[in-house]
């Protein structure tokens, strides 16, 4: 009986750890998304100046509310 309780406790602990890691990753992605968008826009600009200027203007328009609305 004690082994079953410990196994269940371990599974809950793993679930909590995975949840915390997921929340941290969401925070990091949200924080760095604008910088990443600007890097991709720069790479696009190197390939095509017309498309690159569109990508740069789109990257400049990114703000925290835009990122939060992506999943909706």
C-alpha atoms as a PDB file:
ATOM      1  CA  UNK A   1       0.000   0.000   0.000  1.00  0.00           C
ATOM      2  CA  UNK A   2       2.807   2.389   0.839  1.00  0.00           C
ATOM      3  CA  UNK A   3       4.519   1.739  -2.528  1.00  0.00           C
ATOM      4  CA  UNK A   4       1.335   2.652  -4.437  1.00  0.00           C
ATOM      5  CA  UNK A   5       1.017   5.918  -2.512  1.00  0.00           C
ATOM      6  CA  UNK A   6       4.637   6.820  -3.203  1.00  0.00           C
ATOM      7  CA  UNK A   7       4.299   5.992  -6.875  1.00  0.00           C
ATOM      8  CA  UNK A   8       1.249   8.252  -7.117  1.00  0.00           C
ATOM      9  CA  UNK A   9       3.072  10.964  -5.233  1.00  0.00           C
ATOM     10  CA  UNK A  10       5.990  10.716  -7.663  1.00  0.00           C
ATOM     11  CA  UNK A  11       3.667  11.035 -10.659  1.00  0.00           C
ATOM     12  CA  UNK A  12       2.093  14.164  -9.180  1.00  0.00           C
ATOM     13  CA  UNK A  13       5.535  15.623  -8.546  1.00  0.00           C
ATOM     14  CA  UNK A  14       6.525  14.967 -12.165  1.00  0.00           C
ATOM     15  CA  UNK A  15       3.319  16.604 -13.382  1.00  0.00           C
ATOM     16  CA  UNK A  16       4.001  19.677 -11.250  1.00  0.00           C
ATOM     17  CA  UNK A  17       7.574  19.918 -12.553  1.00  0.00           C
ATOM     18  CA  UNK A  18       6.406  19.610 -16.173  1.00  0.00           C
ATOM     19  CA  UNK A  19       3.799  22.305 -15.556  1.00  0.00           C
ATOM     20  CA  UNK A  20       6.396  24.668 -14.097  1.00  0.00           C
ATOM     21  CA  UNK A  21       8.763  24.058 -17.007  1.00  0.00           C
ATOM     22  CA  UNK A  22       5.955  24.731 -19.489  1.00  0.00           C
ATOM     23  CA  UNK A  23       5.063  28.008 -17.767  1.00  0.00           C
ATOM     24  CA  UNK A  24       8.716  29.079 -17.768  1.00  0.00           C
ATOM     25  CA  UNK A  25       9.057  28.279 -21.485  1.00  0.00           C
ATOM     26  CA  UNK A  26       5.941  30.290 -22.300  1.00  0.00           C
ATOM     27  CA  UNK A  27       7.413  33.238 -20.413  1.00  0.00           C
ATOM     28  CA  UNK A  28      10.756  32.963 -22.204  1.00  0.00           C
ATOM     29  CA  UNK A  29       9.153  32.665 -25.634  1.00  0.00           C
ATOM     30  CA  UNK A  30       6.921  35.657 -24.907  1.00  0.00           C
ATOM     31  CA  UNK A  31       9.898  37.707 -23.719  1.00  0.00           C
ATOM     32  CA  UNK A  32      12.118  36.914 -26.698  1.00  0.00           C
ATOM     33  CA  UNK A  33       9.480  36.763 -29.445  1.00  0.00           C
ATOM     34  CA  UNK A  34       9.984  40.322 -30.640  1.00  0.00           C
ATOM     35  CA  UNK A  35      13.751  39.892 -30.877  1.00  0.00           C
ATOM     36  CA  UNK A  36      13.327  36.619 -32.758  1.00  0.00           C
ATOM     37  CA  UNK A  37      10.848  38.236 -35.150  1.00  0.00           C
ATOM     38  CA  UNK A  38      13.346  40.995 -35.904  1.00  0.00           C
ATOM     39  CA  UNK A  39      16.083  38.436 -36.600  1.00  0.00           C
ATOM     40  CA  UNK A  40      13.838  36.530 -39.004  1.00  0.00           C
ATOM     41  CA  UNK A  41      12.847  39.810 -40.662  1.00  0.00           C
ATOM     42  CA  UNK A  42      16.534  40.628 -41.158  1.00  0.00           C
ATOM     43  CA  UNK A  43      17.141  37.234 -42.736  1.00  0.00           C
ATOM     44  CA  UNK A  44      14.117  37.718 -44.995  1.00  0.00           C
ATOM     45  CA  UNK A  45      15.406  41.148 -45.966  1.00  0.00           C
ATOM     46  CA  UNK A  46      18.714  39.605 -46.996  1.00  0.00           C
ATOM     47  CA  UNK A  47      16.849  37.284 -49.370  1.00  0.00           C
ATOM     48  CA  UNK A  48      14.320  39.757 -50.743  1.00  0.00           C
ATOM     49  CA  UNK A  49      14.252  43.461 -49.923  1.00  0.00           C
ATOM     50  CA  UNK A  50      10.535  43.851 -50.739  1.00  0.00           C
ATOM     51  CA  UNK A  51       9.429  40.957 -48.540  1.00  0.00           C
ATOM     52  CA  UNK A  52      12.006  41.939 -45.937  1.00  0.00           C
ATOM     53  CA  UNK A  53      10.538  45.413 -45.533  1.00  0.00           C
ATOM     54  CA  UNK A  54       7.095  43.851 -45.017  1.00  0.00           C
ATOM     55  CA  UNK A  55       8.541  41.468 -42.432  1.00  0.00           C
ATOM     56  CA  UNK A  56      10.320  44.296 -40.614  1.00  0.00           C
ATOM     57  CA  UNK A  57       7.155  46.368 -40.363  1.00  0.00           C
ATOM     58  CA  UNK A  58       5.269  43.320 -39.079  1.00  0.00           C
ATOM     59  CA  UNK A  59       7.999  42.644 -36.505  1.00  0.00           C
ATOM     60  CA  UNK A  60       7.877  46.258 -35.318  1.00  0.00           C
ATOM     61  CA  UNK A  61       4.128  46.024 -34.771  1.00  0.00           C
ATOM     62  CA  UNK A  62       4.474  43.099 -32.344  1.00  0.00           C
ATOM     63  CA  UNK A  63       3.643  43.921 -28.741  1.00  0.00           C
ATOM     64  CA  UNK A  64       2.648  41.908 -25.694  1.00  0.00           C
ATOM     65  CA  UNK A  65      -1.085  42.005 -26.493  1.00  0.00           C
ATOM     66  CA  UNK A  66      -0.426  40.662 -29.994  1.00  0.00           C
ATOM     67  CA  UNK A  67       1.459  37.713 -28.543  1.00  0.00           C
ATOM     68  CA  UNK A  68      -1.258  36.979 -25.988  1.00  0.00           C
ATOM     69  CA  UNK A  69      -3.912  36.947 -28.729  1.00  0.00           C
ATOM     70  CA  UNK A  70      -2.104  34.353 -30.872  1.00  0.00           C
ATOM     71  CA  UNK A  71      -3.929  31.423 -29.316  1.00  0.00           C
ATOM     72  CA  UNK A  72      -7.382  32.943 -29.594  1.00  0.00           C
END
